[in-house]
């Protein structure tokens, strides 16, 4: 069974993460890319968190995305990069090496 592995703040992300195939990695960041190992891990996208209200309406704040999701697809090694900071002016890229068992 896959796990939802969460790194709440991209600034606090470790240099390396070990996942299992089927895991989803959630990182608090405004953007991301897969630098190496595209067959090992996939970027699902950058998302803006939202909640479903009692009437079924989705409520979301305005602004930049704040969560990126990756799917660990198969065994191997990959490198992902996340964007931390303001995506319009003061961005910083941070690399995370990913091993998928």
PDB file of N, CA and C in Angstrom:
ATOM      1  N   UNK A   1       0.849  -1.178   0.000  1.00  0.00           N
ATOM      2  CA  UNK A   1       0.000   0.000   0.000  1.00  0.00           C
ATOM      3  C   UNK A   1       0.890   1.235   0.000  1.00  0.00           C
ATOM      4  N   UNK A   2       0.559   2.188  -0.855  1.00  0.00           N
ATOM      5  CA  UNK A   2       1.323   3.421  -0.941  1.00  0.00           C
ATOM      6  C   UNK A   2       1.137   4.295   0.282  1.00  0.00           C
ATOM      7  N   UNK A   3       2.131   5.116   0.539  1.00  0.00           N
ATOM      8  CA  UNK A   3       2.098   6.042   1.675  1.00  0.00           C
ATOM      9  C   UNK A   3       2.095   7.476   1.155  1.00  0.00           C
ATOM     10  N   UNK A   4       1.510   8.370   1.940  1.00  0.00           N
ATOM     11  CA  UNK A   4       1.612   9.797   1.674  1.00  0.00           C
ATOM     12  C   UNK A   4       2.720  10.312   2.580  1.00  0.00           C
ATOM     13  N   UNK A   5       3.862  10.650   1.985  1.00  0.00           N
ATOM     14  CA  UNK A   5       5.039  11.093   2.728  1.00  0.00           C
ATOM     15  C   UNK A   5       5.090  12.610   2.621  1.00  0.00           C
ATOM     16  N   UNK A   6       5.038  13.288   3.766  1.00  0.00           N
ATOM     17  CA  UNK A   6       4.903  14.738   3.764  1.00  0.00           C
ATOM     18  C   UNK A   6       6.138  15.437   4.317  1.00  0.00           C
ATOM     19  N   UNK A   7       6.608  16.422   3.558  1.00  0.00           N
ATOM     20  CA  UNK A   7       7.625  17.363   4.027  1.00  0.00           C
ATOM     21  C   UNK A   7       6.922  18.708   4.043  1.00  0.00           C
ATOM     22  N   UNK A   8       6.572  19.182   5.223  1.00  0.00           N
ATOM     23  CA  UNK A   8       5.719  20.364   5.313  1.00  0.00           C
ATOM     24  C   UNK A   8       6.375  21.624   4.764  1.00  0.00           C
ATOM     25  N   UNK A   9       7.634  21.820   5.048  1.00  0.00           N
ATOM     26  CA  UNK A   9       8.325  23.029   4.578  1.00  0.00           C
ATOM     27  C   UNK A   9       9.499  22.624   3.698  1.00  0.00           C
ATOM     28  N   UNK A  10       9.487  23.093   2.467  1.00  0.00           N
ATOM     29  CA  UNK A  10      10.573  22.771   1.554  1.00  0.00           C
ATOM     30  C   UNK A  10      11.931  23.179   2.086  1.00  0.00           C
ATOM     31  N   UNK A  11      11.966  24.267   2.842  1.00  0.00           N
ATOM     32  CA  UNK A  11      13.218  24.730   3.429  1.00  0.00           C
ATOM     33  C   UNK A  11      13.828  23.679   4.341  1.00  0.00           C
ATOM     34  N   UNK A  12      12.982  22.844   4.948  1.00  0.00           N
ATOM     35  CA  UNK A  12      13.437  21.819   5.892  1.00  0.00           C
ATOM     36  C   UNK A  12      13.646  20.462   5.229  1.00  0.00           C
ATOM     37  N   UNK A  13      13.480  20.378   3.933  1.00  0.00           N
ATOM     38  CA  UNK A  13      13.590  19.096   3.235  1.00  0.00           C
ATOM     39  C   UNK A  13      14.996  18.525   3.392  1.00  0.00           C
ATOM     40  N   UNK A  14      15.084  17.233   3.622  1.00  0.00           N
ATOM     41  CA  UNK A  14      16.411  16.610   3.708  1.00  0.00           C
ATOM     42  C   UNK A  14      17.054  16.537   2.323  1.00  0.00           C
ATOM     43  N   UNK A  15      18.345  16.300   2.293  1.00  0.00           N
ATOM     44  CA  UNK A  15      19.061  16.198   1.020  1.00  0.00           C
ATOM     45  C   UNK A  15      18.695  14.911   0.278  1.00  0.00           C
ATOM     46  N   UNK A  16      18.227  13.896   1.018  1.00  0.00           N
ATOM     47  CA  UNK A  16      17.876  12.617   0.400  1.00  0.00           C
ATOM     48  C   UNK A  16      16.651  12.027   1.084  1.00  0.00           C
ATOM     49  N   UNK A  17      15.825  11.337   0.291  1.00  0.00           N
ATOM     50  CA  UNK A  17      14.602  10.699   0.779  1.00  0.00           C
ATOM     51  C   UNK A  17      14.545   9.292   0.200  1.00  0.00           C
ATOM     52  N   UNK A  18      14.119   8.334   1.016  1.00  0.00           N
ATOM     53  CA  UNK A  18      13.944   6.951   0.554  1.00  0.00           C
ATOM     54  C   UNK A  18      12.456   6.633   0.551  1.00  0.00           C
ATOM     55  N   UNK A  19      11.926   6.249  -0.614  1.00  0.00           N
ATOM     56  CA  UNK A  19      10.509   5.955  -0.782  1.00  0.00           C
ATOM     57  C   UNK A  19      10.336   4.524  -1.279  1.00  0.00           C
ATOM     58  N   UNK A  20       9.084   4.080  -1.321  1.00  0.00           N
ATOM     59  CA  UNK A  20       8.728   2.813  -1.942  1.00  0.00           C
ATOM     60  C   UNK A  20       7.879   3.116  -3.169  1.00  0.00           C
ATOM     61  N   UNK A  21       7.918   2.245  -4.151  1.00  0.00           N
ATOM     62  CA  UNK A  21       7.077   2.419  -5.330  1.00  0.00           C
ATOM     63  C   UNK A  21       5.618   2.514  -4.882  1.00  0.00           C
ATOM     64  N   UNK A  22       4.905   3.499  -5.413  1.00  0.00           N
ATOM     65  CA  UNK A  22       3.513   3.736  -5.040  1.00  0.00           C
ATOM     66  C   UNK A  22       3.340   4.849  -4.026  1.00  0.00           C
ATOM     67  N   UNK A  23       4.429   5.274  -3.385  1.00  0.00           N
ATOM     68  CA  UNK A  23       4.349   6.387  -2.432  1.00  0.00           C
ATOM     69  C   UNK A  23       4.126   7.699  -3.172  1.00  0.00           C
ATOM     70  N   UNK A  24       3.441   8.628  -2.494  1.00  0.00           N
ATOM     71  CA  UNK A  24       3.305   9.998  -2.980  1.00  0.00           C
ATOM     72  C   UNK A  24       4.079  10.890  -2.021  1.00  0.00           C
ATOM     73  N   UNK A  25       4.954  11.711  -2.559  1.00  0.00           N
ATOM     74  CA  UNK A  25       5.737  12.657  -1.774  1.00  0.00           C
ATOM     75  C   UNK A  25       5.108  14.027  -1.909  1.00  0.00           C
ATOM     76  N   UNK A  26       4.727  14.614  -0.778  1.00  0.00           N
ATOM     77  CA  UNK A  26       4.141  15.952  -0.726  1.00  0.00           C
ATOM     78  C   UNK A  26       5.163  16.893  -0.094  1.00  0.00           C
ATOM     79  N   UNK A  27       5.482  17.982  -0.800  1.00  0.00           N
ATOM     80  CA  UNK A  27       6.476  18.930  -0.300  1.00  0.00           C
ATOM     81  C   UNK A  27       5.871  20.326  -0.309  1.00  0.00           C
ATOM     82  N   UNK A  28       6.053  21.049   0.773  1.00  0.00           N
ATOM     83  CA  UNK A  28       5.616  22.438   0.848  1.00  0.00           C
ATOM     84  C   UNK A  28       6.534  23.308   0.001  1.00  0.00           C
ATOM     85  N   UNK A  29       6.124  23.555  -1.235  1.00  0.00           N
ATOM     86  CA  UNK A  29       6.923  24.332  -2.181  1.00  0.00           C
ATOM     87  C   UNK A  29       5.981  24.921  -3.226  1.00  0.00           C
ATOM     88  N   UNK A  30       6.462  25.919  -3.951  1.00  0.00           N
ATOM     89  CA  UNK A  30       5.602  26.572  -4.939  1.00  0.00           C
ATOM     90  C   UNK A  30       5.799  26.041  -6.351  1.00  0.00           C
ATOM     91  N   UNK A  31       6.776  25.202  -6.549  1.00  0.00           N
ATOM     92  CA  UNK A  31       7.019  24.622  -7.860  1.00  0.00           C
ATOM     93  C   UNK A  31       8.052  23.531  -7.754  1.00  0.00           C
ATOM     94  N   UNK A  32       8.243  22.786  -8.837  1.00  0.00           N
ATOM     95  CA  UNK A  32       9.202  21.687  -8.820  1.00  0.00           C
ATOM     96  C   UNK A  32       9.467  21.190 -10.228  1.00  0.00           C
ATOM     97  N   UNK A  33      10.489  20.348 -10.344  1.00  0.00           N
ATOM     98  CA  UNK A  33      10.784  19.650 -11.590  1.00  0.00           C
ATOM     99  C   UNK A  33      11.557  18.381 -11.248  1.00  0.00           C
ATOM    100  N   UNK A  34      11.505  17.420 -12.148  1.00  0.00           N
ATOM    101  CA  UNK A  34      12.305  16.209 -12.026  1.00  0.00           C
ATOM    102  C   UNK A  34      13.558  16.450 -12.853  1.00  0.00           C
ATOM    103  N   UNK A  35      14.704  16.494 -12.194  1.00  0.00           N
ATOM    104  CA  UNK A  35      15.962  16.774 -12.896  1.00  0.00           C
ATOM    105  C   UNK A  35      16.559  15.505 -13.502  1.00  0.00           C
ATOM    106  N   UNK A  36      16.391  14.378 -12.810  1.00  0.00           N
ATOM    107  CA  UNK A  36      16.913  13.101 -13.311  1.00  0.00           C
ATOM    108  C   UNK A  36      16.030  11.983 -12.786  1.00  0.00           C
ATOM    109  N   UNK A  37      15.867  10.936 -13.590  1.00  0.00           N
ATOM    110  CA  UNK A  37      15.109   9.780 -13.152  1.00  0.00           C
ATOM    111  C   UNK A  37      13.621   9.864 -13.414  1.00  0.00           C
ATOM    112  N   UNK A  38      13.238  10.376 -14.573  1.00  0.00           N
ATOM    113  CA  UNK A  38      11.812  10.561 -14.877  1.00  0.00           C
ATOM    114  C   UNK A  38      11.020   9.259 -14.877  1.00  0.00           C
ATOM    115  N   UNK A  39      11.652   8.123 -15.127  1.00  0.00           N
ATOM    116  CA  UNK A  39      10.938   6.854 -15.055  1.00  0.00           C
ATOM    117  C   UNK A  39      10.756   6.351 -13.634  1.00  0.00           C
ATOM    118  N   UNK A  40      11.528   6.917 -12.722  1.00  0.00           N
ATOM    119  CA  UNK A  40      11.492   6.507 -11.318  1.00  0.00           C
ATOM    120  C   UNK A  40      10.447   7.305 -10.547  1.00  0.00           C
ATOM    121  N   UNK A  41      10.390   8.600 -10.795  1.00  0.00           N
ATOM    122  CA  UNK A  41       9.465   9.478 -10.064  1.00  0.00           C
ATOM    123  C   UNK A  41       8.825  10.454 -11.049  1.00  0.00           C
ATOM    124  N   UNK A  42       7.575  10.777 -10.820  1.00  0.00           N
ATOM    125  CA  UNK A  42       6.848  11.717 -11.680  1.00  0.00           C
ATOM    126  C   UNK A  42       6.353  12.890 -10.857  1.00  0.00           C
ATOM    127  N   UNK A  43       6.414  14.064 -11.437  1.00  0.00           N
ATOM    128  CA  UNK A  43       5.828  15.253 -10.827  1.00  0.00           C
ATOM    129  C   UNK A  43       4.348  15.271 -11.176  1.00  0.00           C
ATOM    130  N   UNK A  44       3.502  15.214 -10.170  1.00  0.00           N
ATOM    131  CA  UNK A  44       2.056  15.284 -10.407  1.00  0.00           C
ATOM    132  C   UNK A  44       1.595  16.717 -10.582  1.00  0.00           C
ATOM    133  N   UNK A  45       2.338  17.663 -10.018  1.00  0.00           N
ATOM    134  CA  UNK A  45       2.008  19.066 -10.205  1.00  0.00           C
ATOM    135  C   UNK A  45       2.165  19.885  -8.941  1.00  0.00           C
ATOM    136  N   UNK A  46       1.955  21.187  -9.110  1.00  0.00           N
ATOM    137  CA  UNK A  46       1.961  22.134  -7.996  1.00  0.00           C
ATOM    138  C   UNK A  46       0.508  22.502  -7.718  1.00  0.00           C
ATOM    139  N   UNK A  47       0.133  22.494  -6.458  1.00  0.00           N
ATOM    140  CA  UNK A  47      -1.263  22.663  -6.088  1.00  0.00           C
ATOM    141  C   UNK A  47      -1.453  23.750  -5.042  1.00  0.00           C
ATOM    142  N   UNK A  48      -2.632  24.332  -5.073  1.00  0.00           N
ATOM    143  CA  UNK A  48      -3.091  25.271  -4.064  1.00  0.00           C
ATOM    144  C   UNK A  48      -4.037  24.490  -3.155  1.00  0.00           C
ATOM    145  N   UNK A  49      -3.769  24.429  -1.861  1.00  0.00           N
ATOM    146  CA  UNK A  49      -4.655  23.656  -0.990  1.00  0.00           C
ATOM    147  C   UNK A  49      -6.054  24.265  -0.933  1.00  0.00           C
ATOM    148  N   UNK A  50      -7.050  23.412  -0.800  1.00  0.00           N
ATOM    149  CA  UNK A  50      -8.441  23.851  -0.735  1.00  0.00           C
ATOM    150  C   UNK A  50      -9.211  22.892   0.174  1.00  0.00           C
ATOM    151  N   UNK A  51     -10.381  23.314   0.606  1.00  0.00           N
ATOM    152  CA  UNK A  51     -11.249  22.470   1.431  1.00  0.00           C
ATOM    153  C   UNK A  51     -12.633  22.424   0.803  1.00  0.00           C
ATOM    154  N   UNK A  52     -13.333  21.366   1.109  1.00  0.00           N
ATOM    155  CA  UNK A  52     -14.700  21.217   0.637  1.00  0.00           C
ATOM    156  C   UNK A  52     -15.635  21.655   1.753  1.00  0.00           C
ATOM    157  N   UNK A  53     -16.449  22.673   1.469  1.00  0.00           N
ATOM    158  CA  UNK A  53     -17.391  23.170   2.462  1.00  0.00           C
ATOM    159  C   UNK A  53     -18.586  22.240   2.608  1.00  0.00           C
ATOM    160  N   UNK A  54     -19.416  22.514   3.593  1.00  0.00           N
ATOM    161  CA  UNK A  54     -20.576  21.685   3.885  1.00  0.00           C
ATOM    162  C   UNK A  54     -21.541  21.549   2.730  1.00  0.00           C
ATOM    163  N   UNK A  55     -21.649  22.555   1.870  1.00  0.00           N
ATOM    164  CA  UNK A  55     -22.557  22.509   0.737  1.00  0.00           C
ATOM    165  C   UNK A  55     -21.922  21.915  -0.508  1.00  0.00           C
ATOM    166  N   UNK A  56     -20.687  21.455  -0.391  1.00  0.00           N
ATOM    167  CA  UNK A  56     -20.005  20.866  -1.537  1.00  0.00           C
ATOM    168  C   UNK A  56     -19.159  21.844  -2.328  1.00  0.00           C
ATOM    169  N   UNK A  57     -19.175  23.121  -1.955  1.00  0.00           N
ATOM    170  CA  UNK A  57     -18.338  24.101  -2.647  1.00  0.00           C
ATOM    171  C   UNK A  57     -16.891  23.958  -2.198  1.00  0.00           C
ATOM    172  N   UNK A  58     -15.980  24.158  -3.129  1.00  0.00           N
ATOM    173  CA  UNK A  58     -14.558  24.112  -2.827  1.00  0.00           C
ATOM    174  C   UNK A  58     -14.093  25.529  -2.515  1.00  0.00           C
ATOM    175  N   UNK A  59     -13.407  25.673  -1.387  1.00  0.00           N
ATOM    176  CA  UNK A  59     -12.927  26.977  -0.934  1.00  0.00           C
ATOM    177  C   UNK A  59     -11.407  26.942  -0.927  1.00  0.00           C
ATOM    178  N   UNK A  60     -10.802  27.900  -1.649  1.00  0.00           N
ATOM    179  CA  UNK A  60      -9.346  27.958  -1.741  1.00  0.00           C
ATOM    180  C   UNK A  60      -8.888  29.401  -1.623  1.00  0.00           C
ATOM    181  N   UNK A  61      -7.726  29.606  -1.011  1.00  0.00           N
ATOM    182  CA  UNK A  61      -7.194  30.964  -0.936  1.00  0.00           C
ATOM    183  C   UNK A  61      -6.629  31.386  -2.292  1.00  0.00           C
ATOM    184  N   UNK A  62      -6.432  32.666  -2.480  1.00  0.00           N
ATOM    185  CA  UNK A  62      -5.782  33.168  -3.682  1.00  0.00           C
ATOM    186  C   UNK A  62      -4.280  33.124  -3.448  1.00  0.00           C
ATOM    187  N   UNK A  63      -3.543  33.034  -4.508  1.00  0.00           N
ATOM    188  CA  UNK A  63      -2.093  33.073  -4.380  1.00  0.00           C
ATOM    189  C   UNK A  63      -1.413  31.959  -5.139  1.00  0.00           C
ATOM    190  N   UNK A  64      -0.142  31.831  -4.867  1.00  0.00           N
ATOM    191  CA  UNK A  64       0.684  30.840  -5.553  1.00  0.00           C
ATOM    192  C   UNK A  64       0.446  29.445  -4.991  1.00  0.00           C
ATOM    193  N   UNK A  65       0.745  28.420  -5.763  1.00  0.00           N
ATOM    194  CA  UNK A  65       0.668  27.057  -5.238  1.00  0.00           C
ATOM    195  C   UNK A  65       1.607  26.923  -4.044  1.00  0.00           C
ATOM    196  N   UNK A  66       1.282  26.028  -3.138  1.00  0.00           N
ATOM    197  CA  UNK A  66       2.137  25.859  -1.960  1.00  0.00           C
ATOM    198  C   UNK A  66       2.451  24.400  -1.654  1.00  0.00           C
ATOM    199  N   UNK A  67       1.992  23.487  -2.503  1.00  0.00           N
ATOM    200  CA  UNK A  67       2.276  22.065  -2.312  1.00  0.00           C
ATOM    201  C   UNK A  67       2.600  21.454  -3.674  1.00  0.00           C
ATOM    202  N   UNK A  68       3.669  20.682  -3.724  1.00  0.00           N
ATOM    203  CA  UNK A  68       3.961  19.909  -4.931  1.00  0.00           C
ATOM    204  C   UNK A  68       3.880  18.435  -4.576  1.00  0.00           C
ATOM    205  N   UNK A  69       3.409  17.644  -5.536  1.00  0.00           N
ATOM    206  CA  UNK A  69       3.257  16.213  -5.326  1.00  0.00           C
ATOM    207  C   UNK A  69       4.061  15.442  -6.358  1.00  0.00           C
ATOM    208  N   UNK A  70       4.752  14.409  -5.878  1.00  0.00           N
ATOM    209  CA  UNK A  70       5.504  13.497  -6.728  1.00  0.00           C
ATOM    210  C   UNK A  70       4.983  12.086  -6.483  1.00  0.00           C
ATOM    211  N   UNK A  71       4.986  11.265  -7.516  1.00  0.00           N
ATOM    212  CA  UNK A  71       4.602   9.864  -7.402  1.00  0.00           C
ATOM    213  C   UNK A  71       5.820   8.993  -7.678  1.00  0.00           C
ATOM    214  N   UNK A  72       6.175   8.143  -6.699  1.00  0.00           N
ATOM    215  CA  UNK A  72       7.270   7.189  -6.863  1.00  0.00           C
ATOM    216  C   UNK A  72       6.746   6.031  -7.706  1.00  0.00           C
ATOM    217  N   UNK A  73       7.260   5.866  -8.916  1.00  0.00           N
ATOM    218  CA  UNK A  73       6.721   4.892  -9.867  1.00  0.00           C
ATOM    219  C   UNK A  73       7.440   3.547  -9.847  1.00  0.00           C
ATOM    220  N   UNK A  74       8.761   3.553  -9.831  1.00  0.00           N
ATOM    221  CA  UNK A  74       9.495   2.290  -9.889  1.00  0.00           C
ATOM    222  C   UNK A  74      10.839   2.420  -9.195  1.00  0.00           C
ATOM    223  N   UNK A  75      11.447   1.284  -8.927  1.00  0.00           N
ATOM    224  CA  UNK A  75      12.729   1.267  -8.213  1.00  0.00           C
ATOM    225  C   UNK A  75      13.802   2.014  -8.996  1.00  0.00           C
ATOM    226  N   UNK A  76      14.647   2.708  -8.261  1.00  0.00           N
ATOM    227  CA  UNK A  76      15.756   3.416  -8.884  1.00  0.00           C
ATOM    228  C   UNK A  76      16.087   4.689  -8.138  1.00  0.00           C
ATOM    229  N   UNK A  77      16.893   5.512  -8.774  1.00  0.00           N
ATOM    230  CA  UNK A  77      17.321   6.780  -8.181  1.00  0.00           C
ATOM    231  C   UNK A  77      16.873   7.934  -9.061  1.00  0.00           C
ATOM    232  N   UNK A  78      16.538   9.041  -8.415  1.00  0.00           N
ATOM    233  CA  UNK A  78      16.095  10.243  -9.118  1.00  0.00           C
ATOM    234  C   UNK A  78      16.543  11.470  -8.333  1.00  0.00           C
ATOM    235  N   UNK A  79      16.509  12.588  -8.993  1.00  0.00           N
ATOM    236  CA  UNK A  79      16.747  13.873  -8.331  1.00  0.00           C
ATOM    237  C   UNK A  79      15.608  14.807  -8.716  1.00  0.00           C
ATOM    238  N   UNK A  80      14.988  15.386  -7.700  1.00  0.00           N
ATOM    239  CA  UNK A  80      13.951  16.382  -7.936  1.00  0.00           C
ATOM    240  C   UNK A  80      14.444  17.714  -7.398  1.00  0.00           C
ATOM    241  N   UNK A  81      13.920  18.783  -7.945  1.00  0.00           N
ATOM    242  CA  UNK A  81      14.226  20.123  -7.456  1.00  0.00           C
ATOM    243  C   UNK A  81      12.922  20.817  -7.118  1.00  0.00           C
ATOM    244  N   UNK A  82      12.903  21.478  -5.972  1.00  0.00           N
ATOM    245  CA  UNK A  82      11.715  22.205  -5.540  1.00  0.00           C
ATOM    246  C   UNK A  82      12.018  23.693  -5.501  1.00  0.00           C
ATOM    247  N   UNK A  83      10.966  24.490  -5.696  1.00  0.00           N
ATOM    248  CA  UNK A  83      11.092  25.944  -5.620  1.00  0.00           C
ATOM    249  C   UNK A  83      10.592  26.381  -4.251  1.00  0.00           C
ATOM    250  N   UNK A  84      11.461  27.047  -3.517  1.00  0.00           N
ATOM    251  CA  UNK A  84      11.065  27.598  -2.231  1.00  0.00           C
ATOM    252  C   UNK A  84      11.203  29.112  -2.295  1.00  0.00           C
ATOM    253  N   UNK A  85      10.371  29.782  -1.549  1.00  0.00           N
ATOM    254  CA  UNK A  85      10.357  31.241  -1.594  1.00  0.00           C
ATOM    255  C   UNK A  85       9.255  31.745  -2.499  1.00  0.00           C
ATOM    256  N   UNK A  86       9.191  33.031  -2.669  1.00  0.00           N
ATOM    257  CA  UNK A  86       8.185  33.682  -3.509  1.00  0.00           C
ATOM    258  C   UNK A  86       8.422  33.318  -4.976  1.00  0.00           C
ATOM    259  N   UNK A  87       7.462  32.666  -5.637  1.00  0.00           N
ATOM    260  CA  UNK A  87       7.696  32.228  -7.013  1.00  0.00           C
ATOM    261  C   UNK A  87       7.812  33.359  -8.030  1.00  0.00           C
ATOM    262  N   UNK A  88       7.491  34.582  -7.648  1.00  0.00           N
ATOM    263  CA  UNK A  88       7.556  35.700  -8.594  1.00  0.00           C
ATOM    264  C   UNK A  88       8.801  36.558  -8.439  1.00  0.00           C
ATOM    265  N   UNK A  89       9.531  36.404  -7.346  1.00  0.00           N
ATOM    266  CA  UNK A  89      10.692  37.273  -7.201  1.00  0.00           C
ATOM    267  C   UNK A  89      11.891  36.589  -6.562  1.00  0.00           C
ATOM    268  N   UNK A  90      11.755  36.055  -5.381  1.00  0.00           N
ATOM    269  CA  UNK A  90      12.903  35.537  -4.636  1.00  0.00           C
ATOM    270  C   UNK A  90      12.885  34.012  -4.575  1.00  0.00           C
ATOM    271  N   UNK A  91      13.014  33.372  -5.724  1.00  0.00           N
ATOM    272  CA  UNK A  91      12.960  31.909  -5.735  1.00  0.00           C
ATOM    273  C   UNK A  91      14.328  31.292  -5.477  1.00  0.00           C
ATOM    274  N   UNK A  92      14.287  30.151  -4.834  1.00  0.00           N
ATOM    275  CA  UNK A  92      15.476  29.348  -4.594  1.00  0.00           C
ATOM    276  C   UNK A  92      15.138  27.913  -4.957  1.00  0.00           C
ATOM    277  N   UNK A  93      16.031  27.253  -5.683  1.00  0.00           N
ATOM    278  CA  UNK A  93      15.839  25.844  -6.024  1.00  0.00           C
ATOM    279  C   UNK A  93      16.610  24.996  -5.035  1.00  0.00           C
ATOM    280  N   UNK A  94      15.997  23.900  -4.598  1.00  0.00           N
ATOM    281  CA  UNK A  94      16.648  22.976  -3.674  1.00  0.00           C
ATOM    282  C   UNK A  94      16.499  21.565  -4.230  1.00  0.00           C
ATOM    283  N   UNK A  95      17.622  20.842  -4.304  1.00  0.00           N
ATOM    284  CA  UNK A  95      17.625  19.484  -4.844  1.00  0.00           C
ATOM    285  C   UNK A  95      17.400  18.470  -3.734  1.00  0.00           C
ATOM    286  N   UNK A  96      16.646  17.417  -4.069  1.00  0.00           N
ATOM    287  CA  UNK A  96      16.426  16.293  -3.171  1.00  0.00           C
ATOM    288  C   UNK A  96      16.712  15.024  -3.971  1.00  0.00           C
ATOM    289  N   UNK A  97      17.650  14.212  -3.480  1.00  0.00           N
ATOM    290  CA  UNK A  97      17.920  12.929  -4.108  1.00  0.00           C
ATOM    291  C   UNK A  97      16.918  11.917  -3.581  1.00  0.00           C
ATOM    292  N   UNK A  98      16.288  11.186  -4.482  1.00  0.00           N
ATOM    293  CA  UNK A  98      15.237  10.239  -4.112  1.00  0.00           C
ATOM    294  C   UNK A  98      15.670   8.837  -4.522  1.00  0.00           C
ATOM    295  N   UNK A  99      15.577   7.916  -3.567  1.00  0.00           N
ATOM    296  CA  UNK A  99      15.779   6.500  -3.855  1.00  0.00           C
ATOM    297  C   UNK A  99      14.448   5.815  -3.675  1.00  0.00           C
ATOM    298  N   UNK A 100      14.029   5.077  -4.697  1.00  0.00           N
ATOM    299  CA  UNK A 100      12.771   4.331  -4.623  1.00  0.00           C
ATOM    300  C   UNK A 100      13.108   2.852  -4.586  1.00  0.00           C
ATOM    301  N   UNK A 101      12.640   2.197  -3.518  1.00  0.00           N
ATOM    302  CA  UNK A 101      12.868   0.750  -3.357  1.00  0.00           C
ATOM    303  C   UNK A 101      11.775  -0.037  -4.038  1.00  0.00           C
TER     304      UNK A 101
END
